[in-house]
Amino acid sequence: MHMGLINRYHQWLGLPELEPVTLGEGNTPMVHWATWESHRIWLKLEGCNPTGSFKDRGMTVAVSQARCQGAEAVICASTGNTAASAAAYAGRAGLKAFVVIPNNQVALGKMIQASAYGATILAIEGNFDQALQAVRDVAEQESWIALVNSVNPWRLRGQETGAYEILDGLGHAPSALVLPVGNAGNISAYFHGFRRRNEGIPQLFGIQAQGADPLVQEHELDEVKTVASAIRIGRPASAHLAKEAVKESRGQFRSVSDSQILRAQEELAHGGIFVEPASAAAYAGLKVLYQKRLLPQGDVVAILTGNGLKDTQTPAMWASVEPQIVKSQYLTESIGQFMNP
């Protein structure tokens, strides 16, 4: 039986007494992936959350608080994962969910997921940053609708639980934490989670995709382009928090190319871990940090934020989905040819 994050970490979350809206989120696996010289590499599989991404950590808290305060609906702008999570938790809470997306910029699997959970999906012409501004305006005008993007501080409090789980799993803080950065809320949530527990703070490395790397370039971007749609954001709403987290932890921001992301996605998948491109960006960044001798010794944790089934179009760039046609009587012979090409 899994009680959900609010009950598990209630003492750290600062919530009022309320009835949690939970789908049994959190408690995700942390897999020992490899040992690279003096670095023990761990992968935190956030795609094992109920809706397939790390967003569920924050959403259980944000939606629980919204319902407690009398909201009738939730609203968010999304590149996909927030949409699915908000829709699922709103459905569980008995609330309406409105999802605003940048038109033609969200992976189909995520759209289907949000729709299946019962969300009303509205598409605007423009990018994610414009969608976020639009929903912020709506939430300011209408008191009955709660904004559940990561600009909602309860979202980030919930996402701090990822840091708590790493501390509980390892028994100490890792030397480094590597994670993808889009709207930049998650990296700051981990930082505050480690700081709140006061058991040590890892160096934080935020990985962005080239073409959508405003924190690497140190200025906002109006035009963004990358295969990693979940982090295709040019004006991160939590940029100031992310910069603080990286500076205070003596970390850094780095960017990786789409080709590096796709190679990382393939390497992880061939090792049994199928993640969406934004998660693969974290692993690609981890490899670059190792090659450039920038990783501290000891335990290094990479946060893999979303399941690969969220975006099935991108892996088609490297994985063949066409089956090999063989006659059943020649199956053994055919298999032998694959074993000894």
Protein backbone atom coordinates (compact mmCIF):
# COMPACT_ATOMS: atom_id res chain seq x y z
CA MET A 1 0.00 0.00 0.00
CA HIS A 2 1.35 3.44 -0.97
CA MET A 3 -0.11 6.38 0.92
CA GLY A 4 0.92 9.19 -1.45
CA LEU A 5 3.36 12.03 -0.93
CA ILE A 6 1.24 14.34 1.23
CA ASN A 7 0.78 11.75 3.95
CA ARG A 8 4.35 10.49 3.65
CA TYR A 9 6.04 13.90 3.88
CA HIS A 10 3.38 15.99 5.59
CA GLN A 11 5.82 17.35 8.19
CA TRP A 12 7.97 18.93 5.47
CA LEU A 13 5.27 20.32 3.17
CA GLY A 14 3.74 23.02 5.34
CA LEU A 15 0.19 22.25 4.22
CA PRO A 16 -2.91 22.95 6.29
CA GLU A 17 -4.96 19.96 7.40
CA LEU A 18 -6.74 18.79 4.26
CA GLU A 19 -7.93 15.69 2.44
CA PRO A 20 -5.14 14.73 0.01
CA VAL A 21 -5.94 14.27 -3.66
CA THR A 22 -3.63 11.36 -4.42
CA LEU A 23 -3.02 8.73 -7.06
CA GLY A 24 -0.20 7.06 -5.10
CA GLU A 25 2.49 9.29 -6.62
CA GLY A 26 6.15 9.29 -5.65
CA ASN A 27 8.29 6.46 -4.33
CA THR A 28 9.81 6.12 -7.82
CA PRO A 29 12.72 3.73 -8.47
CA MET A 30 16.30 4.93 -8.25
CA VAL A 31 18.32 2.57 -10.39
CA HIS A 32 22.08 2.08 -10.11
CA TRP A 33 23.01 2.49 -13.77
CA ALA A 34 26.80 2.29 -13.85
CA THR A 35 30.06 3.16 -12.14
CA TRP A 36 32.21 5.55 -14.17
CA GLU A 37 35.60 5.65 -12.45
CA SER A 38 34.91 7.38 -9.11
CA HIS A 39 31.29 8.22 -9.97
CA ARG A 40 28.37 5.98 -9.01
CA ILE A 41 25.60 6.85 -11.46
CA TRP A 42 21.98 6.60 -10.33
CA LEU A 43 18.88 7.23 -12.45
CA LYS A 44 15.69 8.41 -10.73
CA LEU A 45 12.80 7.13 -12.87
CA GLU A 46 10.14 9.81 -12.50
CA GLY A 47 8.28 8.36 -15.48
CA CYS A 48 7.01 5.75 -13.01
CA ASN A 49 4.65 8.29 -11.45
CA PRO A 50 0.91 7.70 -12.11
CA THR A 51 0.64 9.92 -15.20
CA GLY A 52 4.15 9.10 -16.38
CA SER A 53 6.06 12.20 -15.28
CA PHE A 54 7.51 14.06 -12.30
CA LYS A 55 4.67 16.60 -12.49
CA ASP A 56 2.52 14.39 -10.26
CA ARG A 57 4.68 15.29 -7.24
CA GLY A 58 3.66 18.92 -7.42
CA MET A 59 0.17 18.31 -8.71
CA THR A 60 -0.99 16.26 -5.73
CA VAL A 61 -0.12 19.22 -3.48
CA ALA A 62 -1.38 21.99 -5.78
CA VAL A 63 -4.73 20.33 -6.51
CA SER A 64 -5.25 19.28 -2.88
CA GLN A 65 -4.70 22.89 -1.80
CA ALA A 66 -6.90 24.24 -4.62
CA ARG A 67 -9.80 21.99 -3.62
CA CYS A 68 -9.31 22.88 0.05
CA GLN A 69 -9.64 26.57 -0.84
CA GLY A 70 -12.87 26.01 -2.76
CA ALA A 71 -11.70 26.04 -6.39
CA GLU A 72 -14.14 24.62 -8.94
CA ALA A 73 -11.57 24.14 -11.69
CA VAL A 74 -7.85 24.17 -12.43
CA ILE A 75 -6.05 25.69 -15.39
CA CYS A 76 -2.54 25.35 -16.78
CA ALA A 77 -0.42 26.09 -19.80
CA SER A 78 1.52 23.08 -20.89
CA THR A 79 3.95 21.44 -23.28
CA GLY A 80 2.23 18.18 -22.34
CA ASN A 81 3.21 16.64 -19.02
CA THR A 82 1.60 19.30 -16.82
CA ALA A 83 -1.58 18.95 -18.88
CA ALA A 84 -1.84 15.21 -18.28
CA SER A 85 -1.05 15.52 -14.58
CA ALA A 86 -3.42 18.43 -13.97
CA ALA A 87 -6.22 16.62 -15.80
CA ALA A 88 -5.73 13.40 -13.82
CA TYR A 89 -5.59 15.04 -10.40
CA ALA A 90 -8.49 17.38 -11.20
CA GLY A 91 -10.52 14.36 -12.25
CA ARG A 92 -9.63 12.62 -8.99
CA ALA A 93 -10.63 15.74 -7.05
CA GLY A 94 -13.92 16.21 -8.89
CA LEU A 95 -12.77 19.49 -10.47
CA LYS A 96 -12.85 20.68 -14.07
CA ALA A 97 -9.48 20.96 -15.88
CA PHE A 98 -8.65 23.49 -18.60
CA VAL A 99 -5.40 22.99 -20.51
CA VAL A 100 -3.94 25.66 -22.79
CA ILE A 101 -1.28 24.51 -25.23
CA PRO A 102 0.80 26.13 -27.98
CA ASN A 103 -0.83 24.86 -31.17
CA ASN A 104 1.01 21.99 -32.97
CA GLN A 105 3.82 21.94 -30.38
CA VAL A 106 2.73 19.17 -28.00
CA ALA A 107 3.39 15.44 -28.46
CA LEU A 108 0.24 13.58 -29.49
CA GLY A 109 0.50 11.03 -26.67
CA LYS A 110 0.32 13.80 -24.08
CA MET A 111 -2.70 15.39 -25.79
CA ILE A 112 -4.52 12.05 -25.83
CA GLN A 113 -3.65 11.49 -22.19
CA ALA A 114 -4.98 14.86 -21.00
CA SER A 115 -8.13 14.44 -23.07
CA ALA A 116 -8.71 10.92 -21.75
CA TYR A 117 -8.55 12.22 -18.18
CA GLY A 118 -11.34 14.65 -19.08
CA ALA A 119 -9.55 17.94 -19.67
CA THR A 120 -10.83 20.63 -21.98
CA ILE A 121 -7.87 21.39 -24.28
CA LEU A 122 -7.56 24.85 -25.78
CA ALA A 123 -4.82 25.67 -28.29
CA ILE A 124 -3.48 29.15 -28.93
CA GLU A 125 -1.31 30.41 -31.74
CA GLY A 126 2.08 31.20 -30.25
CA ASN A 127 4.52 29.49 -27.92
CA PHE A 128 4.41 28.11 -24.37
CA ASP A 129 5.43 31.41 -22.82
CA GLN A 130 2.44 33.16 -24.38
CA ALA A 131 0.15 30.33 -23.23
CA LEU A 132 1.44 30.71 -19.67
CA GLN A 133 0.82 34.45 -19.67
CA ALA A 134 -2.73 33.85 -20.92
CA VAL A 135 -3.61 31.37 -18.16
CA ARG A 136 -2.05 33.61 -15.50
CA ASP A 137 -4.36 36.39 -16.66
CA VAL A 138 -7.40 34.11 -16.43
CA ALA A 139 -6.51 32.89 -12.92
CA GLU A 140 -6.05 36.48 -11.71
CA GLN A 141 -9.48 37.45 -13.04
CA GLU A 142 -11.46 34.42 -11.83
CA SER A 143 -11.26 33.34 -8.19
CA TRP A 144 -12.98 29.98 -8.79
CA ILE A 145 -10.20 28.69 -11.05
CA ALA A 146 -6.77 27.69 -9.66
CA LEU A 147 -3.57 28.03 -11.66
CA VAL A 148 -1.51 24.84 -11.27
CA ASN A 149 1.61 25.65 -13.28
CA SER A 150 4.90 25.67 -11.39
CA VAL A 151 4.47 29.41 -10.71
CA ASN A 152 2.07 28.07 -8.05
CA PRO A 153 4.33 27.72 -4.98
CA TRP A 154 2.49 24.58 -3.83
CA ARG A 155 3.56 22.84 -7.05
CA LEU A 156 7.20 23.43 -6.17
CA ARG A 157 6.71 22.34 -2.56
CA GLY A 158 5.39 19.03 -3.85
CA GLN A 159 8.31 18.64 -6.22
CA GLU A 160 10.73 19.02 -3.30
CA THR A 161 9.74 15.47 -2.31
CA GLY A 162 12.04 14.16 -5.04
CA ALA A 163 14.96 15.43 -2.97
CA TYR A 164 13.54 13.82 0.17
CA GLU A 165 13.30 10.44 -1.58
CA ILE A 166 16.90 10.65 -2.81
CA LEU A 167 18.08 11.41 0.74
CA ASP A 168 15.99 8.55 2.13
CA GLY A 169 17.22 6.17 -0.58
CA LEU A 170 20.96 6.93 -0.43
CA GLY A 171 21.06 7.82 3.24
CA HIS A 172 22.92 11.03 2.38
CA ALA A 173 22.95 13.78 -0.23
CA PRO A 174 24.52 12.86 -3.58
CA SER A 175 27.56 14.81 -4.73
CA ALA A 176 25.75 15.96 -7.89
CA LEU A 177 22.23 16.11 -9.31
CA VAL A 178 21.67 16.39 -13.07
CA LEU A 179 18.25 17.24 -14.46
CA PRO A 180 16.59 18.75 -17.52
CA VAL A 181 15.49 22.38 -17.37
CA GLY A 182 12.55 23.88 -19.24
CA ASN A 183 10.38 26.24 -17.21
CA ALA A 184 13.03 25.84 -14.45
CA GLY A 185 10.78 25.07 -11.50
CA ASN A 186 12.02 21.54 -10.82
CA ILE A 187 15.72 22.34 -10.33
CA SER A 188 14.84 25.00 -7.76
CA ALA A 189 12.39 22.63 -6.04
CA TYR A 190 15.15 20.04 -5.58
CA PHE A 191 17.49 22.71 -4.26
CA HIS A 192 14.97 23.88 -1.67
CA GLY A 193 14.13 20.27 -0.79
CA PHE A 194 17.76 19.45 0.00
CA ARG A 195 18.16 22.74 1.85
CA ARG A 196 15.00 22.17 3.88
CA ARG A 197 16.17 18.74 5.02
CA ASN A 198 19.60 20.16 5.92
CA GLU A 199 21.50 16.94 5.12
CA GLY A 200 23.75 18.41 2.43
CA ILE A 201 23.18 19.97 -0.99
CA PRO A 202 24.53 18.38 -4.19
CA GLN A 203 26.00 20.39 -7.05
CA LEU A 204 23.07 21.06 -9.36
CA PHE A 205 23.57 20.77 -13.11
CA GLY A 206 20.69 22.04 -15.25
CA ILE A 207 20.63 20.65 -18.79
CA GLN A 208 18.89 22.48 -21.62
CA ALA A 209 18.50 21.63 -25.29
CA GLN A 210 20.45 23.67 -27.81
CA GLY A 211 17.86 25.84 -29.51
CA ALA A 212 15.96 26.22 -26.23
CA ASP A 213 18.70 27.17 -23.79
CA PRO A 214 18.00 30.66 -22.40
CA LEU A 215 19.72 29.90 -19.08
CA VAL A 216 22.89 28.81 -20.87
CA GLN A 217 22.82 31.85 -23.17
CA GLU A 218 21.84 34.08 -20.23
CA HIS A 219 18.99 35.81 -22.04
CA GLU A 220 15.41 34.96 -22.95
CA LEU A 221 14.64 33.48 -26.36
CA ASP A 222 11.62 34.26 -28.53
CA GLU A 223 12.23 31.44 -31.00
CA VAL A 224 12.89 27.96 -29.59
CA LYS A 225 13.36 24.67 -31.40
CA THR A 226 14.28 21.17 -30.18
CA VAL A 227 13.03 17.59 -30.41
CA ALA A 228 12.64 17.72 -26.61
CA SER A 229 9.18 19.34 -26.62
CA ALA A 230 8.82 19.21 -22.82
CA ILE A 231 11.68 21.72 -22.41
CA ARG A 232 10.99 23.79 -25.54
CA ILE A 233 10.69 27.00 -23.52
CA GLY A 234 12.43 30.30 -24.16
CA ARG A 235 11.29 32.33 -21.16
CA PRO A 236 11.45 30.11 -18.06
CA ALA A 237 9.02 31.39 -15.43
CA SER A 238 11.26 30.19 -12.59
CA ALA A 239 14.56 31.32 -14.12
CA HIS A 240 15.44 33.45 -11.08
CA LEU A 241 14.96 30.48 -8.75
CA ALA A 242 16.97 28.17 -10.99
CA LYS A 243 19.87 30.62 -11.20
CA GLU A 244 19.94 30.88 -7.42
CA ALA A 245 19.92 27.09 -7.05
CA VAL A 246 22.78 26.58 -9.49
CA LYS A 247 24.87 29.43 -8.09
CA GLU A 248 24.47 28.44 -4.43
CA SER A 249 25.17 24.76 -5.15
CA ARG A 250 28.27 25.57 -7.26
CA GLY A 251 26.71 23.90 -10.28
CA GLN A 252 26.13 25.11 -13.82
CA PHE A 253 23.80 25.12 -16.80
CA ARG A 254 24.81 23.30 -19.97
CA SER A 255 23.13 22.54 -23.27
CA VAL A 256 23.13 19.44 -25.47
CA SER A 257 22.26 19.05 -29.14
CA ASP A 258 19.24 17.19 -30.50
CA SER A 259 21.57 14.52 -31.91
CA GLN A 260 23.10 14.02 -28.45
CA ILE A 261 19.60 13.77 -26.98
CA LEU A 262 18.54 11.11 -29.49
CA ARG A 263 21.73 9.08 -28.92
CA ALA A 264 21.16 9.27 -25.16
CA GLN A 265 17.55 8.17 -25.57
CA GLU A 266 18.67 5.15 -27.60
CA GLU A 267 21.43 4.23 -25.13
CA LEU A 268 19.05 4.35 -22.18
CA ALA A 269 16.39 2.36 -24.04
CA HIS A 270 18.88 -0.37 -24.98
CA GLY A 271 19.67 -0.57 -21.26
CA GLY A 272 15.99 -1.09 -20.44
CA ILE A 273 14.96 2.51 -19.60
CA PHE A 274 12.66 4.23 -22.10
CA VAL A 275 12.34 7.98 -21.51
CA GLU A 276 11.04 10.97 -23.41
CA PRO A 277 13.55 13.31 -25.09
CA ALA A 278 13.66 15.87 -22.24
CA SER A 279 14.76 13.10 -19.86
CA ALA A 280 17.33 11.91 -22.37
CA ALA A 281 18.71 15.46 -22.38
CA ALA A 282 19.61 15.00 -18.70
CA TYR A 283 21.50 11.79 -19.49
CA ALA A 284 23.21 13.39 -22.50
CA GLY A 285 24.26 16.25 -20.23
CA LEU A 286 25.51 13.80 -17.62
CA LYS A 287 27.78 12.18 -20.21
CA VAL A 288 29.15 15.57 -21.31
CA LEU A 289 29.86 16.53 -17.69
CA TYR A 290 31.71 13.25 -17.17
CA GLN A 291 33.73 13.59 -20.37
CA LYS A 292 34.73 17.14 -19.43
CA ARG A 293 35.73 16.02 -15.91
CA LEU A 294 33.18 18.32 -14.30
CA LEU A 295 31.42 15.75 -12.10
CA PRO A 296 32.39 15.50 -8.44
CA GLN A 297 33.30 12.08 -7.10
CA GLY A 298 30.72 9.87 -5.41
CA ASP A 299 27.01 9.39 -5.98
CA VAL A 300 25.59 11.25 -8.96
CA VAL A 301 21.83 11.19 -9.59
CA ALA A 302 20.19 12.04 -12.92
CA ILE A 303 16.47 12.85 -12.84
CA LEU A 304 14.68 11.20 -15.76
CA THR A 305 11.49 13.20 -15.76
CA GLY A 306 9.11 11.42 -18.15
CA ASN A 307 8.19 8.07 -19.70
CA GLY A 308 9.14 7.37 -23.30
CA LEU A 309 5.56 6.54 -24.27
CA LYS A 310 4.73 10.23 -23.78
CA ASP A 311 6.29 10.96 -27.17
CA THR A 312 6.41 8.02 -29.58
CA GLN A 313 7.24 10.11 -32.67
CA THR A 314 10.78 11.07 -31.69
CA PRO A 315 12.22 7.54 -31.18
CA ALA A 316 11.19 6.77 -34.76
CA MET A 317 14.25 8.86 -35.73
CA TRP A 318 16.51 6.05 -34.45
CA ALA A 319 14.32 2.99 -33.83
CA SER A 320 12.75 0.94 -36.62
CA VAL A 321 9.11 0.12 -35.96
CA GLU A 322 8.76 -1.97 -39.12
CA PRO A 323 8.82 -5.68 -38.22
CA GLN A 324 11.00 -8.13 -40.11
CA ILE A 325 8.68 -10.40 -42.10
CA VAL A 326 9.67 -14.07 -41.82
CA LYS A 327 7.99 -17.38 -42.55
CA SER A 328 7.16 -19.29 -39.37
CA GLN A 329 8.98 -22.43 -40.54
CA TYR A 330 12.17 -20.41 -40.95
CA LEU A 331 11.90 -18.57 -37.60
CA THR A 332 14.84 -20.38 -35.96
CA GLU A 333 17.05 -19.77 -38.98
CA SER A 334 16.05 -16.09 -39.12
CA ILE A 335 16.81 -15.59 -35.43
CA GLY A 336 20.21 -17.20 -35.96
CA GLN A 337 21.00 -14.67 -38.67
CA PHE A 338 20.25 -11.81 -36.27
CA MET A 339 22.51 -13.39 -33.66
CA ASN A 340 25.34 -13.81 -36.19
CA PRO A 341 24.90 -11.16 -38.87
